Every structure is written in structure tokens, then in C-alpha cells.
Amino acid sequence: QFYKWIIRSRFIQYLADDLVSFNFISKVGHQASNN
């Protein structure tokens, strides 16, 4: 629940929408998912 609170936060949304690229999200996200 703490982990979910972090990933659902406005800060993570701001990162995903405005700060980092689609390619960066794909690379880091797939690596995290696989791990």
C-alpha cells in the first residue's frame, strides 16, 4: 500500500507526463516489471 501510494502520487504523474520521455519510461518501466 505504501508502494502504491508512491507510484500513484502527483509527483510520479508529473514525472511521467512532463519531465521524462516515452523511451525512458519504457526502458525503466519494463526493467522494473521484469525484476
PDB file of all heavy atoms in Angstrom:
ATOM      1  N   GLN A   1       0.824  -1.204   0.000  1.00  0.00           N
ATOM      2  CA  GLN A   1       0.000   0.000   0.000  1.00  0.00           C
ATOM      3  C   GLN A   1       0.859   1.257   0.000  1.00  0.00           C
ATOM      4  O   GLN A   1       0.514   2.257  -0.642  1.00  0.00           O
ATOM      5  CB  GLN A   1      -0.948  -0.002   1.207  1.00  0.00           C
ATOM      6  CG  GLN A   1      -2.038  -1.056   1.147  1.00  0.00           C
ATOM      7  CD  GLN A   1      -2.916  -0.941  -0.091  1.00  0.00           C
ATOM      8  OE1 GLN A   1      -3.245   0.150  -0.525  1.00  0.00           O
ATOM      9  NE2 GLN A   1      -3.283  -2.080  -0.665  1.00  0.00           N
ATOM     10  N   PHE A   2       1.987   1.208   0.688  1.00  0.00           N
ATOM     11  CA  PHE A   2       2.914   2.349   0.678  1.00  0.00           C
ATOM     12  C   PHE A   2       3.521   2.524  -0.705  1.00  0.00           C
ATOM     13  O   PHE A   2       3.621   3.638  -1.227  1.00  0.00           O
ATOM     14  CB  PHE A   2       4.016   2.152   1.719  1.00  0.00           C
ATOM     15  CG  PHE A   2       5.027   3.261   1.739  1.00  0.00           C
ATOM     16  CD1 PHE A   2       4.684   4.521   2.197  1.00  0.00           C
ATOM     17  CD2 PHE A   2       6.331   3.039   1.288  1.00  0.00           C
ATOM     18  CE1 PHE A   2       5.613   5.552   2.207  1.00  0.00           C
ATOM     19  CE2 PHE A   2       7.263   4.064   1.294  1.00  0.00           C
ATOM     20  CZ  PHE A   2       6.907   5.326   1.754  1.00  0.00           C
ATOM     21  N   TYR A   3       3.925   1.398  -1.319  1.00  0.00           N
ATOM     22  CA  TYR A   3       4.461   1.441  -2.682  1.00  0.00           C
ATOM     23  C   TYR A   3       3.430   2.022  -3.650  1.00  0.00           C
ATOM     24  O   TYR A   3       3.746   2.880  -4.483  1.00  0.00           O
ATOM     25  CB  TYR A   3       4.858   0.025  -3.115  1.00  0.00           C
ATOM     26  CG  TYR A   3       4.983  -0.154  -4.611  1.00  0.00           C
ATOM     27  CD1 TYR A   3       6.094   0.330  -5.311  1.00  0.00           C
ATOM     28  CD2 TYR A   3       3.979  -0.811  -5.338  1.00  0.00           C
ATOM     29  CE1 TYR A   3       6.204   0.164  -6.679  1.00  0.00           C
ATOM     30  CE2 TYR A   3       4.077  -0.975  -6.703  1.00  0.00           C
ATOM     31  CZ  TYR A   3       5.193  -0.491  -7.371  1.00  0.00           C
ATOM     32  OH  TYR A   3       5.288  -0.644  -8.727  1.00  0.00           O
ATOM     33  N   LYS A   4       2.179   1.596  -3.522  1.00  0.00           N
ATOM     34  CA  LYS A   4       1.128   2.085  -4.410  1.00  0.00           C
ATOM     35  C   LYS A   4       0.901   3.577  -4.196  1.00  0.00           C
ATOM     36  O   LYS A   4       0.663   4.323  -5.160  1.00  0.00           O
ATOM     37  CB  LYS A   4      -0.170   1.315  -4.161  1.00  0.00           C
ATOM     38  CG  LYS A   4      -1.234   1.580  -5.214  1.00  0.00           C
ATOM     39  CD  LYS A   4      -2.523   0.853  -4.906  1.00  0.00           C
ATOM     40  CE  LYS A   4      -3.233   1.499  -3.740  1.00  0.00           C
ATOM     41  NZ  LYS A   4      -4.602   0.963  -3.548  1.00  0.00           N
ATOM     42  N   TRP A   5       0.969   4.022  -2.952  1.00  0.00           N
ATOM     43  CA  TRP A   5       0.795   5.445  -2.649  1.00  0.00           C
ATOM     44  C   TRP A   5       1.869   6.273  -3.362  1.00  0.00           C
ATOM     45  O   TRP A   5       1.585   7.364  -3.872  1.00  0.00           O
ATOM     46  CB  TRP A   5       0.868   5.665  -1.144  1.00  0.00           C
ATOM     47  CG  TRP A   5       0.783   7.107  -0.740  1.00  0.00           C
ATOM     48  CD1 TRP A   5      -0.334   7.881  -0.677  1.00  0.00           C
ATOM     49  CD2 TRP A   5       1.882   7.941  -0.353  1.00  0.00           C
ATOM     50  NE1 TRP A   5      -0.010   9.159  -0.281  1.00  0.00           N
ATOM     51  CE2 TRP A   5       1.333   9.227  -0.070  1.00  0.00           C
ATOM     52  CE3 TRP A   5       3.256   7.736  -0.210  1.00  0.00           C
ATOM     53  CZ2 TRP A   5       2.129  10.303   0.348  1.00  0.00           C
ATOM     54  CZ3 TRP A   5       4.047   8.806   0.192  1.00  0.00           C
ATOM     55  CH2 TRP A   5       3.498  10.062   0.469  1.00  0.00           C
ATOM     56  N   ILE A   6       3.071   5.737  -3.429  1.00  0.00           N
ATOM     57  CA  ILE A   6       4.161   6.454  -4.100  1.00  0.00           C
ATOM     58  C   ILE A   6       3.921   6.522  -5.603  1.00  0.00           C
ATOM     59  O   ILE A   6       3.980   7.595  -6.211  1.00  0.00           O
ATOM     60  CB  ILE A   6       5.515   5.781  -3.803  1.00  0.00           C
ATOM     61  CG1 ILE A   6       5.883   5.955  -2.328  1.00  0.00           C
ATOM     62  CG2 ILE A   6       6.615   6.362  -4.699  1.00  0.00           C
ATOM     63  CD1 ILE A   6       7.137   5.221  -1.918  1.00  0.00           C
ATOM     64  N   ILE A   7       3.646   5.366  -6.218  1.00  0.00           N
ATOM     65  CA  ILE A   7       3.542   5.363  -7.682  1.00  0.00           C
ATOM     66  C   ILE A   7       2.283   6.078  -8.171  1.00  0.00           C
ATOM     67  O   ILE A   7       2.234   6.539  -9.319  1.00  0.00           O
ATOM     68  CB  ILE A   7       3.595   3.931  -8.260  1.00  0.00           C
ATOM     69  CG1 ILE A   7       2.379   3.111  -7.833  1.00  0.00           C
ATOM     70  CG2 ILE A   7       4.894   3.247  -7.876  1.00  0.00           C
ATOM     71  CD1 ILE A   7       2.264   1.777  -8.560  1.00  0.00           C
ATOM     72  N   ARG A   8       1.274   6.195  -7.321  1.00  0.00           N
ATOM     73  CA  ARG A   8       0.051   6.894  -7.714  1.00  0.00           C
ATOM     74  C   ARG A   8       0.101   8.386  -7.363  1.00  0.00           C
ATOM     75  O   ARG A   8      -0.871   9.106  -7.566  1.00  0.00           O
ATOM     76  CB  ARG A   8      -1.155   6.270  -7.027  1.00  0.00           C
ATOM     77  CG  ARG A   8      -1.394   4.800  -7.379  1.00  0.00           C
ATOM     78  CD  ARG A   8      -2.170   4.639  -8.665  1.00  0.00           C
ATOM     79  NE  ARG A   8      -2.436   3.239  -8.956  1.00  0.00           N
ATOM     80  CZ  ARG A   8      -3.478   2.553  -8.509  1.00  0.00           C
ATOM     81  NH1 ARG A   8      -4.344   3.129  -7.697  1.00  0.00           N
ATOM     82  NH2 ARG A   8      -3.652   1.297  -8.849  1.00  0.00           N
ATOM     83  N   SER A   9       1.214   8.846  -6.822  1.00  0.00           N
ATOM     84  CA  SER A   9       1.309  10.228  -6.365  1.00  0.00           C
ATOM     85  C   SER A   9       1.342  11.209  -7.533  1.00  0.00           C
ATOM     86  O   SER A   9       1.678  10.862  -8.668  1.00  0.00           O
ATOM     87  CB  SER A   9       2.563  10.420  -5.505  1.00  0.00           C
ATOM     88  OG  SER A   9       3.732  10.276  -6.299  1.00  0.00           O
ATOM     89  N   ARG A  10       1.024  12.464  -7.257  1.00  0.00           N
ATOM     90  CA  ARG A  10       1.060  13.504  -8.280  1.00  0.00           C
ATOM     91  C   ARG A  10       2.482  13.737  -8.781  1.00  0.00           C
ATOM     92  O   ARG A  10       2.677  14.129  -9.936  1.00  0.00           O
ATOM     93  CB  ARG A  10       0.480  14.799  -7.720  1.00  0.00           C
ATOM     94  CG  ARG A  10      -1.024  14.742  -7.487  1.00  0.00           C
ATOM     95  CD  ARG A  10      -1.572  16.100  -7.096  1.00  0.00           C
ATOM     96  NE  ARG A  10      -3.017  16.059  -6.917  1.00  0.00           N
ATOM     97  CZ  ARG A  10      -3.762  17.124  -6.609  1.00  0.00           C
ATOM     98  NH1 ARG A  10      -3.183  18.301  -6.458  1.00  0.00           N
ATOM     99  NH2 ARG A  10      -5.059  16.993  -6.474  1.00  0.00           N
ATOM    100  N   PHE A  11       3.455  13.524  -7.908  1.00  0.00           N
ATOM    101  CA  PHE A  11       4.844  13.707  -8.324  1.00  0.00           C
ATOM    102  C   PHE A  11       5.218  12.716  -9.417  1.00  0.00           C
ATOM    103  O   PHE A  11       5.824  13.093 -10.434  1.00  0.00           O
ATOM    104  CB  PHE A  11       5.786  13.543  -7.129  1.00  0.00           C
ATOM    105  CG  PHE A  11       7.237  13.607  -7.508  1.00  0.00           C
ATOM    106  CD1 PHE A  11       7.812  14.792  -7.944  1.00  0.00           C
ATOM    107  CD2 PHE A  11       8.032  12.455  -7.454  1.00  0.00           C
ATOM    108  CE1 PHE A  11       9.148  14.845  -8.310  1.00  0.00           C
ATOM    109  CE2 PHE A  11       9.361  12.509  -7.820  1.00  0.00           C
ATOM    110  CZ  PHE A  11       9.928  13.707  -8.244  1.00  0.00           C
ATOM    111  N   ILE A  12       4.847  11.458  -9.255  1.00  0.00           N
ATOM    112  CA  ILE A  12       5.134  10.454 -10.286  1.00  0.00           C
ATOM    113  C   ILE A  12       4.356  10.769 -11.558  1.00  0.00           C
ATOM    114  O   ILE A  12       4.877  10.615 -12.673  1.00  0.00           O
ATOM    115  CB  ILE A  12       4.773   9.044  -9.777  1.00  0.00           C
ATOM    116  CG1 ILE A  12       5.671   8.665  -8.588  1.00  0.00           C
ATOM    117  CG2 ILE A  12       4.927   8.016 -10.891  1.00  0.00           C
ATOM    118  CD1 ILE A  12       7.153   8.624  -8.897  1.00  0.00           C
ATOM    119  N   GLN A  13       3.127  11.261 -11.418  1.00  0.00           N
ATOM    120  CA  GLN A  13       2.365  11.661 -12.597  1.00  0.00           C
ATOM    121  C   GLN A  13       3.055  12.808 -13.328  1.00  0.00           C
ATOM    122  O   GLN A  13       3.126  12.822 -14.556  1.00  0.00           O
ATOM    123  CB  GLN A  13       0.953  12.072 -12.203  1.00  0.00           C
ATOM    124  CG  GLN A  13       0.091  12.464 -13.408  1.00  0.00           C
ATOM    125  CD  GLN A  13      -1.330  12.797 -13.039  1.00  0.00           C
ATOM    126  OE1 GLN A  13      -1.681  12.860 -11.867  1.00  0.00           O
ATOM    127  NE2 GLN A  13      -2.160  13.032 -14.039  1.00  0.00           N
ATOM    128  N   TYR A  14       3.552  13.774 -12.565  1.00  0.00           N
ATOM    129  CA  TYR A  14       4.267  14.906 -13.162  1.00  0.00           C
ATOM    130  C   TYR A  14       5.510  14.425 -13.902  1.00  0.00           C
ATOM    131  O   TYR A  14       5.792  14.865 -15.026  1.00  0.00           O
ATOM    132  CB  TYR A  14       4.643  15.891 -12.061  1.00  0.00           C
ATOM    133  CG  TYR A  14       5.521  17.030 -12.518  1.00  0.00           C
ATOM    134  CD1 TYR A  14       5.076  17.939 -13.477  1.00  0.00           C
ATOM    135  CD2 TYR A  14       6.794  17.201 -11.980  1.00  0.00           C
ATOM    136  CE1 TYR A  14       5.878  18.987 -13.896  1.00  0.00           C
ATOM    137  CE2 TYR A  14       7.607  18.251 -12.394  1.00  0.00           C
ATOM    138  CZ  TYR A  14       7.143  19.131 -13.348  1.00  0.00           C
ATOM    139  OH  TYR A  14       7.948  20.172 -13.769  1.00  0.00           O
ATOM    140  N   LEU A  15       6.240  13.489 -13.294  1.00  0.00           N
ATOM    141  CA  LEU A  15       7.413  12.923 -13.958  1.00  0.00           C
ATOM    142  C   LEU A  15       7.021  12.266 -15.277  1.00  0.00           C
ATOM    143  O   LEU A  15       7.639  12.503 -16.322  1.00  0.00           O
ATOM    144  CB  LEU A  15       8.090  11.889 -13.060  1.00  0.00           C
ATOM    145  CG  LEU A  15       8.933  12.374 -11.888  1.00  0.00           C
ATOM    146  CD1 LEU A  15       9.460  11.182 -11.106  1.00  0.00           C
ATOM    147  CD2 LEU A  15      10.093  13.230 -12.378  1.00  0.00           C
ATOM    148  N   ALA A  16       5.984  11.437 -15.222  1.00  0.00           N
ATOM    149  CA  ALA A  16       5.576  10.669 -16.404  1.00  0.00           C
ATOM    150  C   ALA A  16       5.040  11.561 -17.511  1.00  0.00           C
ATOM    151  O   ALA A  16       5.296  11.322 -18.693  1.00  0.00           O
ATOM    152  CB  ALA A  16       4.532   9.629 -16.008  1.00  0.00           C
ATOM    153  N   ASP A  17       4.297  12.590 -17.128  1.00  0.00           N
ATOM    154  CA  ASP A  17       3.646  13.430 -18.134  1.00  0.00           C
ATOM    155  C   ASP A  17       4.557  14.518 -18.692  1.00  0.00           C
ATOM    156  O   ASP A  17       4.493  14.841 -19.888  1.00  0.00           O
ATOM    157  CB  ASP A  17       2.399  14.094 -17.547  1.00  0.00           C
ATOM    158  CG  ASP A  17       1.219  13.151 -17.442  1.00  0.00           C
ATOM    159  OD1 ASP A  17       1.281  12.063 -18.050  1.00  0.00           O
ATOM    160  OD2 ASP A  17       0.245  13.495 -16.746  1.00  0.00           O
ATOM    161  N   ASP A  18       5.408  15.091 -17.831  1.00  0.00           N
ATOM    162  CA  ASP A  18       6.088  16.325 -18.221  1.00  0.00           C
ATOM    163  C   ASP A  18       7.614  16.281 -18.219  1.00  0.00           C
ATOM    164  O   ASP A  18       8.236  17.073 -18.940  1.00  0.00           O
ATOM    165  CB  ASP A  18       5.644  17.475 -17.294  1.00  0.00           C
ATOM    166  CG  ASP A  18       4.143  17.718 -17.353  1.00  0.00           C
ATOM    167  OD1 ASP A  18       3.602  17.750 -18.469  1.00  0.00           O
ATOM    168  OD2 ASP A  18       3.531  17.872 -16.285  1.00  0.00           O
ATOM    169  N   LEU A  19       8.216  15.416 -17.446  1.00  0.00           N
ATOM    170  CA  LEU A  19       9.660  15.503 -17.281  1.00  0.00           C
ATOM    171  C   LEU A  19      10.457  14.465 -18.066  1.00  0.00           C
ATOM    172  O   LEU A  19      11.523  14.773 -18.591  1.00  0.00           O
ATOM    173  CB  LEU A  19      10.037  15.409 -15.790  1.00  0.00           C
ATOM    174  CG  LEU A  19       9.715  16.627 -14.929  1.00  0.00           C
ATOM    175  CD1 LEU A  19      10.311  16.460 -13.539  1.00  0.00           C
ATOM    176  CD2 LEU A  19      10.247  17.916 -15.560  1.00  0.00           C
ATOM    177  N   VAL A  20       9.965  13.253 -18.129  1.00  0.00           N
ATOM    178  CA  VAL A  20      10.760  12.193 -18.759  1.00  0.00           C
ATOM    179  C   VAL A  20      10.124  11.777 -20.077  1.00  0.00           C
ATOM    180  O   VAL A  20       8.921  11.960 -20.293  1.00  0.00           O
ATOM    181  CB  VAL A  20      10.924  10.967 -17.834  1.00  0.00           C
ATOM    182  CG1 VAL A  20      11.633  11.369 -16.551  1.00  0.00           C
ATOM    183  CG2 VAL A  20       9.579  10.348 -17.517  1.00  0.00           C
ATOM    184  N   SER A  21      10.941  11.205 -20.950  1.00  0.00           N
ATOM    185  CA  SER A  21      10.483  10.836 -22.284  1.00  0.00           C
ATOM    186  C   SER A  21       9.764   9.486 -22.280  1.00  0.00           C
ATOM    187  O   SER A  21       9.893   8.689 -21.351  1.00  0.00           O
ATOM    188  CB  SER A  21      11.670  10.773 -23.244  1.00  0.00           C
ATOM    189  OG  SER A  21      12.503   9.676 -22.919  1.00  0.00           O
ATOM    190  N   PHE A  22       9.045   9.229 -23.352  1.00  0.00           N
ATOM    191  CA  PHE A  22       8.371   7.949 -23.547  1.00  0.00           C
ATOM    192  C   PHE A  22       9.384   6.810 -23.558  1.00  0.00           C
ATOM    193  O   PHE A  22       9.157   5.754 -22.947  1.00  0.00           O
ATOM    194  CB  PHE A  22       7.594   7.991 -24.864  1.00  0.00           C
ATOM    195  CG  PHE A  22       7.001   6.674 -25.274  1.00  0.00           C
ATOM    196  CD1 PHE A  22       5.850   6.200 -24.681  1.00  0.00           C
ATOM    197  CD2 PHE A  22       7.595   5.914 -26.272  1.00  0.00           C
ATOM    198  CE1 PHE A  22       5.295   4.978 -25.061  1.00  0.00           C
ATOM    199  CE2 PHE A  22       7.050   4.699 -26.667  1.00  0.00           C
ATOM    200  CZ  PHE A  22       5.900   4.229 -26.050  1.00  0.00           C
ATOM    201  N   ASN A  23      10.511   6.999 -24.226  1.00  0.00           N
ATOM    202  CA  ASN A  23      11.539   5.951 -24.302  1.00  0.00           C
ATOM    203  C   ASN A  23      12.130   5.655 -22.933  1.00  0.00           C
ATOM    204  O   ASN A  23      12.413   4.497 -22.611  1.00  0.00           O
ATOM    205  CB  ASN A  23      12.638   6.366 -25.274  1.00  0.00           C
ATOM    206  CG  ASN A  23      12.175   6.340 -26.715  1.00  0.00           C
ATOM    207  OD1 ASN A  23      11.246   5.611 -27.065  1.00  0.00           O
ATOM    208  ND2 ASN A  23      12.809   7.135 -27.561  1.00  0.00           N
ATOM    209  N   PHE A  24      12.307   6.694 -22.123  1.00  0.00           N
ATOM    210  CA  PHE A  24      12.859   6.491 -20.778  1.00  0.00           C
ATOM    211  C   PHE A  24      11.881   5.690 -19.922  1.00  0.00           C
ATOM    212  O   PHE A  24      12.280   4.755 -19.221  1.00  0.00           O
ATOM    213  CB  PHE A  24      13.157   7.837 -20.118  1.00  0.00           C
ATOM    214  CG  PHE A  24      13.721   7.720 -18.731  1.00  0.00           C
ATOM    215  CD1 PHE A  24      15.071   7.501 -18.538  1.00  0.00           C
ATOM    216  CD2 PHE A  24      12.892   7.824 -17.617  1.00  0.00           C
ATOM    217  CE1 PHE A  24      15.601   7.384 -17.249  1.00  0.00           C
ATOM    218  CE2 PHE A  24      13.405   7.706 -16.337  1.00  0.00           C
ATOM    219  CZ  PHE A  24      14.759   7.486 -16.156  1.00  0.00           C
ATOM    220  N   ILE A  25      10.593   6.063 -19.973  1.00  0.00           N
ATOM    221  CA  ILE A  25       9.568   5.330 -19.215  1.00  0.00           C
ATOM    222  C   ILE A  25       9.546   3.870 -19.636  1.00  0.00           C
ATOM    223  O   ILE A  25       9.486   2.960 -18.798  1.00  0.00           O
ATOM    224  CB  ILE A  25       8.182   5.964 -19.423  1.00  0.00           C
ATOM    225  CG1 ILE A  25       8.130   7.347 -18.788  1.00  0.00           C
ATOM    226  CG2 ILE A  25       7.086   5.073 -18.828  1.00  0.00           C
ATOM    227  CD1 ILE A  25       6.843   8.100 -19.075  1.00  0.00           C
ATOM    228  N   SER A  26       9.613   3.625 -20.943  1.00  0.00           N
ATOM    229  CA  SER A  26       9.561   2.254 -21.456  1.00  0.00           C
ATOM    230  C   SER A  26      10.740   1.435 -20.965  1.00  0.00           C
ATOM    231  O   SER A  26      10.588   0.291 -20.511  1.00  0.00           O
ATOM    232  CB  SER A  26       9.536   2.268 -22.988  1.00  0.00           C
ATOM    233  OG  SER A  26       8.375   2.904 -23.462  1.00  0.00           O
ATOM    234  N   LYS A  27      11.931   2.019 -21.032  1.00  0.00           N
ATOM    235  CA  LYS A  27      13.145   1.300 -20.639  1.00  0.00           C
ATOM    236  C   LYS A  27      13.145   0.982 -19.154  1.00  0.00           C
ATOM    237  O   LYS A  27      13.341  -0.174 -18.743  1.00  0.00           O
ATOM    238  CB  LYS A  27      14.379   2.118 -21.006  1.00  0.00           C
ATOM    239  CG  LYS A  27      15.691   1.433 -20.674  1.00  0.00           C
ATOM    240  CD  LYS A  27      16.878   2.279 -21.106  1.00  0.00           C
ATOM    241  CE  LYS A  27      18.202   1.587 -20.754  1.00  0.00           C
ATOM    242  NZ  LYS A  27      19.364   2.405 -21.183  1.00  0.00           N
ATOM    243  N   VAL A  28      12.924   1.998 -18.331  1.00  0.00           N
ATOM    244  CA  VAL A  28      12.961   1.814 -16.876  1.00  0.00           C
ATOM    245  C   VAL A  28      11.772   0.972 -16.408  1.00  0.00           C
ATOM    246  O   VAL A  28      11.914   0.090 -15.565  1.00  0.00           O
ATOM    247  CB  VAL A  28      12.960   3.184 -16.165  1.00  0.00           C
ATOM    248  CG1 VAL A  28      12.836   3.006 -14.657  1.00  0.00           C
ATOM    249  CG2 VAL A  28      14.233   3.944 -16.502  1.00  0.00           C
ATOM    250  N   GLY A  29      10.603   1.236 -16.980  1.00  0.00           N
ATOM    251  CA  GLY A  29       9.406   0.517 -16.564  1.00  0.00           C
ATOM    252  C   GLY A  29       9.464  -0.966 -16.859  1.00  0.00           C
ATOM    253  O   GLY A  29       9.113  -1.787 -16.013  1.00  0.00           O
ATOM    254  N   HIS A  30       9.895  -1.326 -18.054  1.00  0.00           N
ATOM    255  CA  HIS A  30       9.980  -2.743 -18.409  1.00  0.00           C
ATOM    256  C   HIS A  30      11.044  -3.457 -17.567  1.00  0.00           C
ATOM    257  O   HIS A  30      10.857  -4.621 -17.184  1.00  0.00           O
ATOM    258  CB  HIS A  30      10.294  -2.901 -19.889  1.00  0.00           C
ATOM    259  CG  HIS A  30       9.111  -2.682 -20.781  1.00  0.00           C
ATOM    260  ND1 HIS A  30       7.929  -3.387 -20.635  1.00  0.00           N
ATOM    261  CD2 HIS A  30       8.908  -1.825 -21.815  1.00  0.00           C
ATOM    262  CE1 HIS A  30       7.061  -2.988 -21.536  1.00  0.00           C
ATOM    263  NE2 HIS A  30       7.617  -2.036 -22.267  1.00  0.00           N
ATOM    264  N   GLN A  31      12.130  -2.765 -17.270  1.00  0.00           N
ATOM    265  CA  GLN A  31      13.163  -3.369 -16.428  1.00  0.00           C
ATOM    266  C   GLN A  31      12.624  -3.622 -15.018  1.00  0.00           C
ATOM    267  O   GLN A  31      12.828  -4.691 -14.448  1.00  0.00           O
ATOM    268  CB  GLN A  31      14.391  -2.457 -16.363  1.00  0.00           C
ATOM    269  CG  GLN A  31      15.544  -3.046 -15.552  1.00  0.00           C
ATOM    270  CD  GLN A  31      16.776  -2.155 -15.576  1.00  0.00           C
ATOM    271  OE1 GLN A  31      16.807  -1.134 -16.263  1.00  0.00           O
ATOM    272  NE2 GLN A  31      17.791  -2.539 -14.835  1.00  0.00           N
ATOM    273  N   ALA A  32      11.909  -2.634 -14.476  1.00  0.00           N
ATOM    274  CA  ALA A  32      11.318  -2.787 -13.143  1.00  0.00           C
ATOM    275  C   ALA A  32      10.280  -3.901 -13.131  1.00  0.00           C
ATOM    276  O   ALA A  32      10.201  -4.689 -12.187  1.00  0.00           O
ATOM    277  CB  ALA A  32      10.696  -1.474 -12.693  1.00  0.00           C
ATOM    278  N   SER A  33       9.467  -3.973 -14.192  1.00  0.00           N
ATOM    279  CA  SER A  33       8.445  -5.012 -14.289  1.00  0.00           C
ATOM    280  C   SER A  33       9.070  -6.393 -14.336  1.00  0.00           C
ATOM    281  O   SER A  33       8.628  -7.322 -13.645  1.00  0.00           O
ATOM    282  CB  SER A  33       7.590  -4.778 -15.534  1.00  0.00           C
ATOM    283  OG  SER A  33       6.647  -5.813 -15.697  1.00  0.00           O
ATOM    284  N   ASN A  34      10.110  -6.542 -15.142  1.00  0.00           N
ATOM    285  CA  ASN A  34      10.784  -7.844 -15.253  1.00  0.00           C
ATOM    286  C   ASN A  34      11.437  -8.251 -13.939  1.00  0.00           C
ATOM    287  O   ASN A  34      11.390  -9.422 -13.545  1.00  0.00           O
ATOM    288  CB  ASN A  34      11.826  -7.800 -16.366  1.00  0.00           C
ATOM    289  CG  ASN A  34      11.200  -7.710 -17.750  1.00  0.00           C
ATOM    290  OD1 ASN A  34      10.069  -8.138 -17.943  1.00  0.00           O
ATOM    291  ND2 ASN A  34      11.924  -7.151 -18.699  1.00  0.00           N
ATOM    292  N   ASN A  35      12.044  -7.282 -13.249  1.00  0.00           N
ATOM    293  CA  ASN A  35      12.680  -7.583 -11.956  1.00  0.00           C
ATOM    294  C   ASN A  35      11.642  -8.009 -10.930  1.00  0.00           C
ATOM    295  O   ASN A  35      11.871  -8.939 -10.143  1.00  0.00           O
ATOM    296  CB  ASN A  35      13.444  -6.361 -11.447  1.00  0.00           C
ATOM    297  CG  ASN A  35      14.692  -6.080 -12.251  1.00  0.00           C
ATOM    298  OD1 ASN A  35      15.201  -6.956 -12.959  1.00  0.00           O
ATOM    299  ND2 ASN A  35      15.199  -4.868 -12.173  1.00  0.00           N
TER     300      ASN A  35
END
